[in-house]
PDB file of N, CA and C in Angstrom:
ATOM      1  N   MET A   1     100.859  74.320  87.658  1.00  0.00           N
ATOM      2  CA  MET A   1      99.762  74.875  88.520  1.00  0.00           C
ATOM      3  C   MET A   1      98.912  75.370  87.756  1.00  0.00           C
ATOM      4  N   THR A   2      97.592  74.960  87.238  1.00  0.00           N
ATOM      5  CA  THR A   2      97.525  75.337  86.058  1.00  0.00           C
ATOM      6  C   THR A   2      96.715  76.632  86.011  1.00  0.00           C
ATOM      7  N   MET A   3      95.594  76.572  85.205  1.00  0.00           N
ATOM      8  CA  MET A   3      94.692  78.588  85.284  1.00  0.00           C
ATOM      9  C   MET A   3      93.755  78.301  86.257  1.00  0.00           C
ATOM     10  N   ASP A   4      93.265  77.153  85.537  1.00  0.00           N
ATOM     11  CA  ASP A   4      92.312  77.120  86.958  1.00  0.00           C
ATOM     12  C   ASP A   4      92.543  77.049  88.668  1.00  0.00           C
ATOM     13  N   GLY A   5      93.673  76.695  88.609  1.00  0.00           N
ATOM     14  CA  GLY A   5      93.888  76.796  90.087  1.00  0.00           C
ATOM     15  C   GLY A   5      94.064  75.367  90.992  1.00  0.00           C
ATOM     16  N   THR A   6      94.078  74.702  89.953  1.00  0.00           N
ATOM     17  CA  THR A   6      94.307  73.087  90.190  1.00  0.00           C
ATOM     18  C   THR A   6      95.568  73.007  89.931  1.00  0.00           C
ATOM     19  N   LEU A   7      95.917  72.311  91.401  1.00  0.00           N
ATOM     20  CA  LEU A   7      97.335  71.515  91.766  1.00  0.00           C
ATOM     21  C   LEU A   7      97.861  70.444  90.712  1.00  0.00           C
ATOM     22  N   CYS A   8      98.723  70.527  90.042  1.00  0.00           N
ATOM     23  CA  CYS A   8      99.239  69.199  89.130  1.00  0.00           C
ATOM     24  C   CYS A   8     101.141  68.874  89.994  1.00  0.00           C
ATOM     25  N   ALA A   9     101.805  68.449  89.249  1.00  0.00           N
ATOM     26  CA  ALA A   9     103.086  67.815  90.239  1.00  0.00           C
ATOM     27  C   ALA A   9     103.636  69.221  90.347  1.00  0.00           C
ATOM     28  N   MET A  10     104.205  69.048  91.453  1.00  0.00           N
ATOM     29  CA  MET A  10     104.604  70.277  91.949  1.00  0.00           C
ATOM     30  C   MET A  10     105.890  69.885  92.005  1.00  0.00           C
ATOM     31  N   ASP A  11     107.403  70.703  92.213  1.00  0.00           N
ATOM     32  CA  ASP A  11     108.919  70.466  91.441  1.00  0.00           C
ATOM     33  C   ASP A  11     109.198  71.059  92.756  1.00  0.00           C
ATOM     34  N   LYS A  12     110.595  71.671  92.810  1.00  0.00           N
ATOM     35  CA  LYS A  12     111.076  72.539  93.858  1.00  0.00           C
ATOM     36  C   LYS A  12     111.169  73.992  93.251  1.00  0.00           C
ATOM     37  N   ARG A  13     111.283  73.943  91.589  1.00  0.00           N
ATOM     38  CA  ARG A  13     110.916  75.307  91.020  1.00  0.00           C
ATOM     39  C   ARG A  13     109.617  76.226  91.048  1.00  0.00           C
ATOM     40  N   SER A  14     108.460  75.358  90.660  1.00  0.00           N
ATOM     41  CA  SER A  14     107.222  75.666  90.877  1.00  0.00           C
ATOM     42  C   SER A  14     107.053  75.476  92.581  1.00  0.00           C
ATOM     43  N   LEU A  15     107.360  75.248  93.409  1.00  0.00           N
ATOM     44  CA  LEU A  15     106.794  75.627  94.660  1.00  0.00           C
ATOM     45  C   LEU A  15     108.022  76.816  94.982  1.00  0.00           C
ATOM     46  N   THR A  16     108.645  77.447  94.714  1.00  0.00           N
ATOM     47  CA  THR A  16     109.915  78.794  95.073  1.00  0.00           C
ATOM     48  C   THR A  16     108.533  79.218  93.743  1.00  0.00           C
ATOM     49  N   GLN A  17     107.615  79.352  92.678  1.00  0.00           N
ATOM     50  CA  GLN A  17     107.767  80.110  92.096  1.00  0.00           C
ATOM     51  C   GLN A  17     106.212  80.447  91.947  1.00  0.00           C
ATOM     52  N   VAL A  18     105.522  79.510  93.839  1.00  0.00           N
ATOM     53  CA  VAL A  18     103.900  79.771  94.848  1.00  0.00           C
ATOM     54  C   VAL A  18     104.465  80.932  95.361  1.00  0.00           C
ATOM     55  N   ALA A  19     105.746  80.267  95.988  1.00  0.00           N
ATOM     56  CA  ALA A  19     106.087  81.094  97.429  1.00  0.00           C
ATOM     57  C   ALA A  19     105.804  82.068  96.935  1.00  0.00           C
ATOM     58  N   SER A  20     107.241  82.433  96.518  1.00  0.00           N
ATOM     59  CA  SER A  20     107.677  84.006  95.777  1.00  0.00           C
ATOM     60  C   SER A  20     106.357  84.962  95.856  1.00  0.00           C
ATOM     61  N   ARG A  21     105.529  84.225  94.876  1.00  0.00           N
ATOM     62  CA  ARG A  21     103.927  85.080  94.201  1.00  0.00           C
ATOM     63  C   ARG A  21     103.314  84.857  95.508  1.00  0.00           C
ATOM     64  N   PHE A  22     103.253  84.355  96.584  1.00  0.00           N
ATOM     65  CA  PHE A  22     102.602  83.789  97.778  1.00  0.00           C
ATOM     66  C   PHE A  22     103.517  85.684  98.701  1.00  0.00           C
ATOM     67  N   ARG A  23     104.601  85.367  98.482  1.00  0.00           N
ATOM     68  CA  ARG A  23     105.470  86.730  99.591  1.00  0.00           C
ATOM     69  C   ARG A  23     104.808  88.153  98.141  1.00  0.00           C
ATOM     70  N   GLU A  24     105.363  88.226  97.632  1.00  0.00           N
ATOM     71  CA  GLU A  24     104.497  89.068  97.012  1.00  0.00           C
ATOM     72  C   GLU A  24     103.014  90.051  97.754  1.00  0.00           C
ATOM     73  N   ALA A  25     102.388  88.478  97.250  1.00  0.00           N
ATOM     74  CA  ALA A  25     100.659  88.992  97.328  1.00  0.00           C
ATOM     75  C   ALA A  25     100.559  89.570  99.064  1.00  0.00           C
ATOM     76  N   GLU A  26     101.652  88.797 100.297  1.00  0.00           N
ATOM     77  CA  GLU A  26     101.380  89.630 102.113  1.00  0.00           C
ATOM     78  C   GLU A  26     102.472  90.863 101.528  1.00  0.00           C
ATOM     79  N   VAL A  27     102.662  90.941 100.720  1.00  0.00           N
ATOM     80  CA  VAL A  27     103.404  92.886 100.616  1.00  0.00           C
ATOM     81  C   VAL A  27     102.430  93.514 100.063  1.00  0.00           C
ATOM     82  N   ARG A  28     102.006  93.194  99.454  1.00  0.00           N
ATOM     83  CA  ARG A  28     101.149  94.422  98.788  1.00  0.00           C
ATOM     84  C   ARG A  28      99.703  94.869  99.538  1.00  0.00           C
ATOM     85  N   ALA A  29      98.894  93.733 100.682  1.00  0.00           N
ATOM     86  CA  ALA A  29      98.366  93.375 101.309  1.00  0.00           C
ATOM     87  C   ALA A  29      98.541  94.128 101.869  1.00  0.00           C
ATOM     88  N   GLU A  30     100.072  93.670 103.543  1.00  0.00           N
ATOM     89  CA  GLU A  30     100.561  94.914 103.999  1.00  0.00           C
ATOM     90  C   GLU A  30     100.235  96.752 103.147  1.00  0.00           C
ATOM     91  N   ILE A  31     100.733  96.878 102.420  1.00  0.00           N
ATOM     92  CA  ILE A  31     100.802  98.432 101.373  1.00  0.00           C
ATOM     93  C   ILE A  31      98.984  98.497 101.343  1.00  0.00           C
ATOM     94  N   LEU A  32      98.070  98.150 100.616  1.00  0.00           N
ATOM     95  CA  LEU A  32      96.804  97.861 100.937  1.00  0.00           C
ATOM     96  C   LEU A  32      96.180  97.843 102.595  1.00  0.00           C
ATOM     97  N   ARG A  33      97.042  97.140 102.891  1.00  0.00           N
ATOM     98  CA  ARG A  33      96.122  97.121 104.926  1.00  0.00           C
ATOM     99  C   ARG A  33      96.461  99.370 105.079  1.00  0.00           C
ATOM    100  N   GLN A  34      97.209  99.100 104.950  1.00  0.00           N
ATOM    101  CA  GLN A  34      98.106 100.858 105.820  1.00  0.00           C
ATOM    102  C   GLN A  34      97.291 101.545 104.337  1.00  0.00           C
ATOM    103  N   GLU A  35      97.054 101.637 103.183  1.00  0.00           N
ATOM    104  CA  GLU A  35      96.371 102.865 102.745  1.00  0.00           C
ATOM    105  C   GLU A  35      94.815 102.897 103.723  1.00  0.00           C
ATOM    106  N   LEU A  36      94.262 101.351 103.687  1.00  0.00           N
ATOM    107  CA  LEU A  36      92.525 101.571 103.871  1.00  0.00           C
ATOM    108  C   LEU A  36      92.745 101.816 104.991  1.00  0.00           C
ATOM    109  N   ALA A  37      93.856 101.936 106.310  1.00  0.00           N
ATOM    110  CA  ALA A  37      94.016 102.360 108.064  1.00  0.00           C
ATOM    111  C   ALA A  37      94.010 103.754 107.567  1.00  0.00           C
ATOM    112  N   VAL A  38      94.570 104.409 106.649  1.00  0.00           N
ATOM    113  CA  VAL A  38      95.124 106.123 106.696  1.00  0.00           C
ATOM    114  C   VAL A  38      93.539 106.269 105.752  1.00  0.00           C
ATOM    115  N   ALA A  39      92.726 106.087 105.176  1.00  0.00           N
ATOM    116  CA  ALA A  39      91.303 106.343 104.731  1.00  0.00           C
ATOM    117  C   ALA A  39      90.782 106.051 105.810  1.00  0.00           C
ATOM    118  N   ILE A  40      90.220 105.504 106.881  1.00  0.00           N
ATOM    119  CA  ILE A  40      89.472 105.085 107.593  1.00  0.00           C
ATOM    120  C   ILE A  40      90.062 105.901 108.389  1.00  0.00           C
ATOM    121  N   ARG A  41      91.478 107.003 109.173  1.00  0.00           N
ATOM    122  CA  ARG A  41      91.491 107.632 109.930  1.00  0.00           C
ATOM    123  C   ARG A  41      91.065 109.336 109.291  1.00  0.00           C
ATOM    124  N   GLN A  42      90.887 109.384 108.272  1.00  0.00           N
ATOM    125  CA  GLN A  42      91.095 110.308 106.744  1.00  0.00           C
ATOM    126  C   GLN A  42      89.157 110.520 107.085  1.00  0.00           C
ATOM    127  N   ALA A  43      88.294 109.678 106.208  1.00  0.00           N
ATOM    128  CA  ALA A  43      86.732 109.299 106.883  1.00  0.00           C
ATOM    129  C   ALA A  43      86.825 109.982 108.428  1.00  0.00           C
ATOM    130  N   ASP A  44      87.395 109.610 109.601  1.00  0.00           N
ATOM    131  CA  ASP A  44      86.955 109.521 110.670  1.00  0.00           C
ATOM    132  C   ASP A  44      87.104 111.037 110.810  1.00  0.00           C
ATOM    133  N   ALA A  45      87.974 111.658 110.785  1.00  0.00           N
ATOM    134  CA  ALA A  45      88.750 113.190 110.715  1.00  0.00           C
ATOM    135  C   ALA A  45      87.333 114.148 110.065  1.00  0.00           C
ATOM    136  N   ASP A  46      87.135 113.601 108.953  1.00  0.00           N
ATOM    137  CA  ASP A  46      86.191 114.959 108.002  1.00  0.00           C
ATOM    138  C   ASP A  46      84.344 114.500 108.071  1.00  0.00           C
ATOM    139  N   GLY A  47      84.309 113.180 109.189  1.00  0.00           N
ATOM    140  CA  GLY A  47      82.491 113.186 110.228  1.00  0.00           C
ATOM    141  C   GLY A  47      81.903 112.454 109.349  1.00  0.00           C
ATOM    142  N   VAL A  48      82.628 111.114 108.797  1.00  0.00           N
ATOM    143  CA  VAL A  48      82.316 110.370 108.292  1.00  0.00           C
ATOM    144  C   VAL A  48      82.151 109.015 109.991  1.00  0.00           C
ATOM    145  N   THR A  49      81.151 108.659 109.850  1.00  0.00           N
ATOM    146  CA  THR A  49      79.927 107.811 111.163  1.00  0.00           C
ATOM    147  C   THR A  49      80.735 106.779 111.412  1.00  0.00           C
ATOM    148  N   GLN A  50      81.122 106.256 112.898  1.00  0.00           N
ATOM    149  CA  GLN A  50      82.097 104.539 112.749  1.00  0.00           C
ATOM    150  C   GLN A  50      80.808 103.522 112.094  1.00  0.00           C
ATOM    151  N   LYS A  51      79.822 103.559 112.132  1.00  0.00           N
ATOM    152  CA  LYS A  51      79.027 102.556 111.825  1.00  0.00           C
ATOM    153  C   LYS A  51      79.139 103.066 110.027  1.00  0.00           C
ATOM    154  N   ASP A  52      78.849 104.127 109.107  1.00  0.00           N
ATOM    155  CA  ASP A  52      78.761 104.216 108.079  1.00  0.00           C
ATOM    156  C   ASP A  52      81.012 103.562 107.723  1.00  0.00           C
ATOM    157  N   ILE A  53      81.939 104.352 108.201  1.00  0.00           N
ATOM    158  CA  ILE A  53      83.181 103.243 108.249  1.00  0.00           C
ATOM    159  C   ILE A  53      83.326 101.667 108.286  1.00  0.00           C
ATOM    160  N   CYS A  54      82.036 101.627 109.414  1.00  0.00           N
ATOM    161  CA  CYS A  54      82.101  99.969 109.588  1.00  0.00           C
ATOM    162  C   CYS A  54      81.617  98.938 108.608  1.00  0.00           C
ATOM    163  N   GLU A  55      80.102  99.374 107.715  1.00  0.00           N
ATOM    164  CA  GLU A  55      80.391  99.703 106.842  1.00  0.00           C
ATOM    165  C   GLU A  55      80.524  98.987 105.315  1.00  0.00           C
ATOM    166  N   ALA A  56      81.712 100.322 105.280  1.00  0.00           N
ATOM    167  CA  ALA A  56      82.401 100.462 104.106  1.00  0.00           C
ATOM    168  C   ALA A  56      83.466  99.311 103.798  1.00  0.00           C
ATOM    169  N   THR A  57      83.667  99.102 105.430  1.00  0.00           N
ATOM    170  CA  THR A  57      85.189  98.009 105.369  1.00  0.00           C
ATOM    171  C   THR A  57      84.923  96.632 106.144  1.00  0.00           C
ATOM    172  N   GLY A  58      83.900  96.466 106.845  1.00  0.00           N
ATOM    173  CA  GLY A  58      83.645  95.359 107.004  1.00  0.00           C
ATOM    174  C   GLY A  58      84.253  94.720 108.249  1.00  0.00           C
ATOM    175  N   TYR A  59      84.953  96.040 108.803  1.00  0.00           N
ATOM    176  CA  TYR A  59      85.156  95.757 110.486  1.00  0.00           C
ATOM    177  C   TYR A  59      84.732  96.471 111.359  1.00  0.00           C
ATOM    178  N   THR A  60      84.992  95.227 112.009  1.00  0.00           N
ATOM    179  CA  THR A  60      84.091  95.752 113.600  1.00  0.00           C
ATOM    180  C   THR A  60      84.797  97.280 113.831  1.00  0.00           C
ATOM    181  N   ARG A  61      83.260  97.777 114.732  1.00  0.00           N
ATOM    182  CA  ARG A  61      83.909  98.992 115.909  1.00  0.00           C
ATOM    183  C   ARG A  61      84.822  99.390 116.407  1.00  0.00           C
ATOM    184  N   GLN A  62      85.232  97.989 116.513  1.00  0.00           N
ATOM    185  CA  GLN A  62      86.303  97.883 117.841  1.00  0.00           C
ATOM    186  C   GLN A  62      87.787  98.560 117.156  1.00  0.00           C
ATOM    187  N   GLN A  63      87.632  97.444 115.865  1.00  0.00           N
ATOM    188  CA  GLN A  63      88.209  97.469 114.856  1.00  0.00           C
ATOM    189  C   GLN A  63      88.513  98.681 114.561  1.00  0.00           C
ATOM    190  N   VAL A  64      87.565  99.672 114.193  1.00  0.00           N
ATOM    191  CA  VAL A  64      87.999 101.387 114.018  1.00  0.00           C
ATOM    192  C   VAL A  64      88.378 101.875 114.960  1.00  0.00           C
ATOM    193  N   ARG A  65      88.316 101.878 115.926  1.00  0.00           N
ATOM    194  CA  ARG A  65      88.110 102.437 116.851  1.00  0.00           C
ATOM    195  C   ARG A  65      89.688 103.137 117.446  1.00  0.00           C
ATOM    196  N   ARG A  66      90.433 101.309 117.384  1.00  0.00           N
ATOM    197  CA  ARG A  66      91.120 100.867 117.081  1.00  0.00           C
ATOM    198  C   ARG A  66      92.650 101.425 116.536  1.00  0.00           C
ATOM    199  N   ILE A  67      92.007 101.448 114.911  1.00  0.00           N
ATOM    200  CA  ILE A  67      92.873 102.477 113.901  1.00  0.00           C
ATOM    201  C   ILE A  67      92.508 103.532 114.523  1.00  0.00           C
ATOM    202  N   VAL A  68      91.688 103.815 114.422  1.00  0.00           N
ATOM    203  CA  VAL A  68      91.445 105.381 114.340  1.00  0.00           C
ATOM    204  C   VAL A  68      92.431 106.149 115.857  1.00  0.00           C
ATOM    205  N   LYS A  69      92.708 105.329 117.148  1.00  0.00           N
ATOM    206  CA  LYS A  69      93.607 105.491 117.988  1.00  0.00           C
ATOM    207  C   LYS A  69      94.664 105.497 117.644  1.00  0.00           C
ATOM    208  N   ALA A  70      95.122 104.107 116.796  1.00  0.00           N
ATOM    209  CA  ALA A  70      96.353 104.296 117.043  1.00  0.00           C
ATOM    210  C   ALA A  70      96.776 105.036 116.129  1.00  0.00           C
ATOM    211  N   GLY A  71      96.302 106.189 115.031  1.00  0.00           N
ATOM    212  CA  GLY A  71      96.542 107.785 114.166  1.00  0.00           C
ATOM    213  C   GLY A  71      96.790 108.675 115.840  1.00  0.00           C
ATOM    214  N   ASP A  72      97.046 108.031 116.431  1.00  0.00           N
ATOM    215  CA  ASP A  72      96.915 109.547 117.713  1.00  0.00           C
ATOM    216  C   ASP A  72      98.234 109.124 118.580  1.00  0.00           C
ATOM    217  N   GLY A  73      99.072 107.640 117.880  1.00  0.00           N
ATOM    218  CA  GLY A  73     100.024 107.894 118.265  1.00  0.00           C
ATOM    219  C   GLY A  73     100.356 106.816 118.780  1.00  0.00           C
ATOM    220  N   GLU A  74      99.302 105.925 118.333  1.00  0.00           N
ATOM    221  CA  GLU A  74      99.334 104.791 120.198  1.00  0.00           C
ATOM    222  C   GLU A  74     100.231 103.563 118.639  1.00  0.00           C
ATOM    223  N   ASP A  75     100.544 102.688 119.310  1.00  0.00           N
ATOM    224  CA  ASP A  75     101.479 100.960 118.740  1.00  0.00           C
ATOM    225  C   ASP A  75     100.722 101.027 117.336  1.00  0.00           C
ATOM    226  N   ALA A  76     101.185 101.213 116.239  1.00  0.00           N
ATOM    227  CA  ALA A  76     101.109 101.042 114.943  1.00  0.00           C
ATOM    228  C   ALA A  76     100.457  99.930 114.526  1.00  0.00           C
ATOM    229  N   GLU A  77     101.093  98.797 115.659  1.00  0.00           N
ATOM    230  CA  GLU A  77     100.424  97.264 115.638  1.00  0.00           C
ATOM    231  C   GLU A  77      98.624  97.043 115.629  1.00  0.00           C
ATOM    232  N   ALA A  78      98.137  98.472 116.875  1.00  0.00           N
ATOM    233  CA  ALA A  78      97.013  98.713 117.030  1.00  0.00           C
ATOM    234  C   ALA A  78      96.763  98.318 116.050  1.00  0.00           C
ATOM    235  N   VAL A  79      96.489  98.461 114.365  1.00  0.00           N
ATOM    236  CA  VAL A  79      95.941  99.387 112.834  1.00  0.00           C
ATOM    237  C   VAL A  79      95.775  97.996 112.322  1.00  0.00           C
ATOM    238  N   ALA A  80      96.488  96.529 112.342  1.00  0.00           N
ATOM    239  CA  ALA A  80      96.114  94.949 112.175  1.00  0.00           C
ATOM    240  C   ALA A  80      94.558  94.202 112.814  1.00  0.00           C
ATOM    241  N   PRO A  81      94.034  94.103 111.686  1.00  0.00           N
ATOM    242  CA  PRO A  81      91.772  93.387 111.825  1.00  0.00           C
ATOM    243  C   PRO A  81      92.799  92.068 112.688  1.00  0.00           C
ATOM    244  N   GLU A  82      91.287  92.360 113.220  1.00  0.00           N
ATOM    245  CA  GLU A  82      91.486  90.893 114.203  1.00  0.00           C
ATOM    246  C   GLU A  82      90.826  89.644 113.468  1.00  0.00           C
TER     247      GLU A  82
END
C-alpha cells in the first residue's frame, strides 16, 4: 500500500499488516464508543438538552435515549449506534 492509500501488489505479509491495523482500529473505535456513551450520559445528567446532544454527536434522538437508558442498568449493547 502506498502513502496515498492506493493498493499495489498485495502479498500475505502485507495483507496481514493491513488486517492487523484494521483490528487495532476496531479496538480503538470500541473504546471511543464507550467513552462517548459515558460522555452522553454525563451530558444528560448535567442537563444538556437531547437536541444539543444529538447535534454534537450526530446520533438520533432514539440512539441518545438508548444510550442514556443503558446507563440506568439496561443491556450495554443498547449503546451501539444504529
